[in-house]
C-alpha atoms as a PDB file:
ATOM      1  CA  MET A   1     -59.741 -90.205 -99.851  1.00  0.00           C
ATOM      2  CA  ASN A   2     -56.635 -91.983 -98.580  1.00  0.00           C
ATOM      3  CA  SER A   3     -55.568 -89.571 -95.868  1.00  0.00           C
ATOM      4  CA  ILE A   4     -58.188 -87.221 -94.482  1.00  0.00           C
ATOM      5  CA  ALA A   5     -55.613 -85.623 -92.186  1.00  0.00           C
ATOM      6  CA  ASP A   6     -53.406 -84.724 -95.164  1.00  0.00           C
ATOM      7  CA  GLY A   7     -56.098 -83.470 -97.547  1.00  0.00           C
ATOM      8  CA  ARG A   8     -55.809 -80.788-100.207  1.00  0.00           C
ATOM      9  CA  LEU A   9     -58.333 -78.514-101.876  1.00  0.00           C
ATOM     10  CA  LEU A  10     -57.505 -77.859-105.509  1.00  0.00           C
ATOM     11  CA  ARG A  11     -59.291 -74.778-106.823  1.00  0.00           C
ATOM     12  CA  ILE A  12     -59.140 -73.912-110.528  1.00  0.00           C
ATOM     13  CA  PHE A  13     -60.317 -70.525-111.834  1.00  0.00           C
ATOM     14  CA  ILE A  14     -61.029 -70.389-115.576  1.00  0.00           C
ATOM     15  CA  ASP A  15     -63.529 -68.860-118.011  1.00  0.00           C
ATOM     16  CA  GLU A  16     -66.627 -70.632-119.207  1.00  0.00           C
ATOM     17  CA  SER A  17     -65.507 -70.231-122.841  1.00  0.00           C
ATOM     18  CA  ASP A  18     -62.138 -71.982-122.283  1.00  0.00           C
ATOM     19  CA  LYS A  19     -61.801 -75.181-124.285  1.00  0.00           C
ATOM     20  CA  HIS A  20     -59.479 -78.174-124.433  1.00  0.00           C
ATOM     21  CA  ALA A  21     -59.636 -81.010-126.950  1.00  0.00           C
ATOM     22  CA  GLY A  22     -62.738 -79.383-128.473  1.00  0.00           C
ATOM     23  CA  ILE A  23     -64.844 -79.469-125.298  1.00  0.00           C
ATOM     24  CA  PRO A  24     -65.324 -77.021-122.430  1.00  0.00           C
ATOM     25  CA  LEU A  25     -62.197 -77.045-120.269  1.00  0.00           C
ATOM     26  CA  TYR A  26     -64.201 -77.497-117.058  1.00  0.00           C
ATOM     27  CA  ASP A  27     -65.837 -80.607-118.525  1.00  0.00           C
ATOM     28  CA  TRP A  28     -62.471 -82.025-119.584  1.00  0.00           C
ATOM     29  CA  ILE A  29     -60.972 -81.420-116.121  1.00  0.00           C
ATOM     30  CA  VAL A  30     -63.897 -83.126-114.369  1.00  0.00           C
ATOM     31  CA  LYS A  31     -63.610 -86.113-116.715  1.00  0.00           C
ATOM     32  CA  GLN A  32     -59.876 -86.353-116.007  1.00  0.00           C
ATOM     33  CA  ALA A  33     -60.534 -86.250-112.260  1.00  0.00           C
ATOM     34  CA  ARG A  34     -63.191 -88.946-112.525  1.00  0.00           C
ATOM     35  CA  GLU A  35     -60.964 -91.215-114.641  1.00  0.00           C
ATOM     36  CA  ARG A  36     -58.300 -90.966-111.947  1.00  0.00           C
ATOM     37  CA  ARG A  37     -60.826 -91.757-109.217  1.00  0.00           C
ATOM     38  CA  LEU A  38     -60.406 -88.525-107.289  1.00  0.00           C
ATOM     39  CA  SER A  39     -62.928 -88.123-104.500  1.00  0.00           C
ATOM     40  CA  GLY A  40     -65.109 -85.690-106.432  1.00  0.00           C
ATOM     41  CA  ALA A  41     -65.227 -82.432-108.336  1.00  0.00           C
ATOM     42  CA  THR A  42     -67.640 -79.516-108.293  1.00  0.00           C
ATOM     43  CA  VAL A  43     -67.981 -76.886-111.003  1.00  0.00           C
ATOM     44  CA  LEU A  44     -69.291 -73.494-109.883  1.00  0.00           C
ATOM     45  CA  ARG A  45     -70.443 -70.823-112.332  1.00  0.00           C
ATOM     46  CA  GLY A  46     -69.814 -67.287-111.122  1.00  0.00           C
ATOM     47  CA  LEU A  47     -72.185 -64.378-111.560  1.00  0.00           C
ATOM     48  CA  GLU A  48     -69.408 -61.866-111.971  1.00  0.00           C
ATOM     49  CA  GLY A  49     -65.643 -61.656-111.921  1.00  0.00           C
ATOM     50  CA  PHE A  50     -62.433 -60.573-113.599  1.00  0.00           C
ATOM     51  CA  GLY A  51     -59.015 -62.074-114.036  1.00  0.00           C
ATOM     52  CA  ALA A  52     -55.480 -61.106-114.984  1.00  0.00           C
ATOM     53  CA  HIS A  53     -56.584 -59.113-118.040  1.00  0.00           C
ATOM     54  CA  GLY A  54     -59.061 -57.067-116.006  1.00  0.00           C
ATOM     55  CA  HIS A  55     -62.000 -57.842-118.308  1.00  0.00           C
ATOM     56  CA  LEU A  56     -65.267 -57.883-116.369  1.00  0.00           C
ATOM     57  CA  HIS A  57     -67.349 -61.013-116.940  1.00  0.00           C
ATOM     58  CA  THR A  58     -70.900 -60.605-115.700  1.00  0.00           C
ATOM     59  CA  VAL A  59     -74.480 -61.626-116.364  1.00  0.00           C
ATOM     60  CA  LYS A  60     -75.305 -57.895-116.536  1.00  0.00           C
ATOM     61  CA  PHE A  61     -73.948 -57.701-120.085  1.00  0.00           C
ATOM     62  CA  LEU A  62     -75.778 -60.075-122.418  1.00  0.00           C
ATOM     63  CA  ARG A  63     -72.847 -60.379-124.812  1.00  0.00           C
ATOM     64  CA  GLN A  64     -70.653 -61.806-122.035  1.00  0.00           C
ATOM     65  CA  ALA A  65     -73.310 -63.902-120.291  1.00  0.00           C
ATOM     66  CA  THR A  66     -71.849 -67.053-121.867  1.00  0.00           C
ATOM     67  CA  ASP A  67     -68.275 -66.370-120.722  1.00  0.00           C
ATOM     68  CA  LEU A  68     -68.730 -66.274-116.982  1.00  0.00           C
ATOM     69  CA  PRO A  69     -66.111 -67.212-114.382  1.00  0.00           C
ATOM     70  CA  ILE A  70     -65.863 -70.918-113.573  1.00  0.00           C
ATOM     71  CA  VAL A  71     -64.383 -72.402-110.403  1.00  0.00           C
ATOM     72  CA  ILE A  72     -63.651 -76.118-110.168  1.00  0.00           C
ATOM     73  CA  GLU A  73     -63.064 -77.521-106.679  1.00  0.00           C
ATOM     74  CA  ILE A  74     -61.551 -80.932-106.006  1.00  0.00           C
ATOM     75  CA  VAL A  75     -60.717 -82.334-102.565  1.00  0.00           C
ATOM     76  CA  ASP A  76     -58.570 -85.420-102.076  1.00  0.00           C
ATOM     77  CA  SER A  77     -55.331 -86.569-100.480  1.00  0.00           C
ATOM     78  CA  ARG A  78     -52.154 -84.565-101.046  1.00  0.00           C
ATOM     79  CA  GLU A  79     -50.646 -87.412-103.067  1.00  0.00           C
ATOM     80  CA  LYS A  80     -53.596 -87.725-105.468  1.00  0.00           C
ATOM     81  CA  ILE A  81     -53.903 -83.973-105.994  1.00  0.00           C
ATOM     82  CA  GLU A  82     -50.155 -83.597-106.601  1.00  0.00           C
ATOM     83  CA  ALA A  83     -50.301 -86.435-109.164  1.00  0.00           C
ATOM     84  CA  PHE A  84     -53.273 -84.750-110.875  1.00  0.00           C
ATOM     85  CA  LEU A  85     -51.671 -81.317-111.303  1.00  0.00           C
ATOM     86  CA  PRO A  86     -49.268 -82.271-114.152  1.00  0.00           C
ATOM     87  CA  ILE A  87     -52.189 -83.810-116.070  1.00  0.00           C
ATOM     88  CA  ILE A  88     -54.175 -80.564-116.166  1.00  0.00           C
ATOM     89  CA  GLU A  89     -51.329 -78.040-116.202  1.00  0.00           C
ATOM     90  CA  GLY A  90     -50.828 -78.002-119.982  1.00  0.00           C
ATOM     91  CA  ALA A  91     -54.558 -77.689-120.661  1.00  0.00           C
ATOM     92  CA  ILE A  92     -54.943 -74.487-118.634  1.00  0.00           C
ATOM     93  CA  THR A  93     -53.567 -71.753-120.881  1.00  0.00           C
ATOM     94  CA  GLU A  94     -55.155 -68.916-118.870  1.00  0.00           C
ATOM     95  CA  GLY A  95     -56.436 -69.080-115.327  1.00  0.00           C
ATOM     96  CA  LEU A  96     -55.404 -69.552-111.734  1.00  0.00           C
ATOM     97  CA  VAL A  97     -54.821 -72.746-109.787  1.00  0.00           C
ATOM     98  CA  THR A  98     -54.612 -72.742-105.993  1.00  0.00           C
ATOM     99  CA  LEU A  99     -53.899 -75.459-103.506  1.00  0.00           C
ATOM    100  CA  GLU A 100     -54.852 -75.368 -99.840  1.00  0.00           C
ATOM    101  CA  GLU A 101     -54.486 -77.718 -96.926  1.00  0.00           C
ATOM    102  CA  VAL A 102     -57.874 -79.023 -95.866  1.00  0.00           C
ATOM    103  CA  GLU A 103     -59.182 -81.148 -93.027  1.00  0.00           C
ATOM    104  CA  ALA A 104     -62.077 -83.249 -94.241  1.00  0.00           C
ATOM    105  CA  ARG A 105     -64.423 -84.209 -91.406  1.00  0.00           C
ATOM    106  CA  PHE A 106     -66.868 -86.356 -93.387  1.00  0.00           C
ATOM    107  CA  PHE A 107     -66.675 -88.167 -96.687  1.00  0.00           C
ATOM    108  CA  ARG A 108     -69.576 -90.527 -97.053  1.00  0.00           C
ATOM    109  CA  ALA A 109     -71.064 -92.441 -99.939  1.00  0.00           C
ATOM    110  CA  GLU A 110     -73.683 -95.143 -99.951  1.00  0.00           C
ATOM    111  CA  SER A 111     -72.607 -98.428-101.510  1.00  0.00           C
END
């Protein structure tokens, strides 16, 4: 992370069934982030949620248990996140993308 004081949290809300280039969209986004050497990415699978269409996605209904909400979180400098947004924008046909200021206190990795 270049500038901890000027960090950003990129949060991407999509569905588990979303695809891009024939693979799960969340997988594609993580690969894009890794190729561009962003600090890291975490994919979270939700137990329940709904989006703009109001459809409930939940593990309570077996038929929808494979289309659960997905949240991808990426933290890095403002510059790197801003440069990453145009790369993923066209791949996200439905979903929500948020950006927040963040103050990272620790970012450690063993060599």
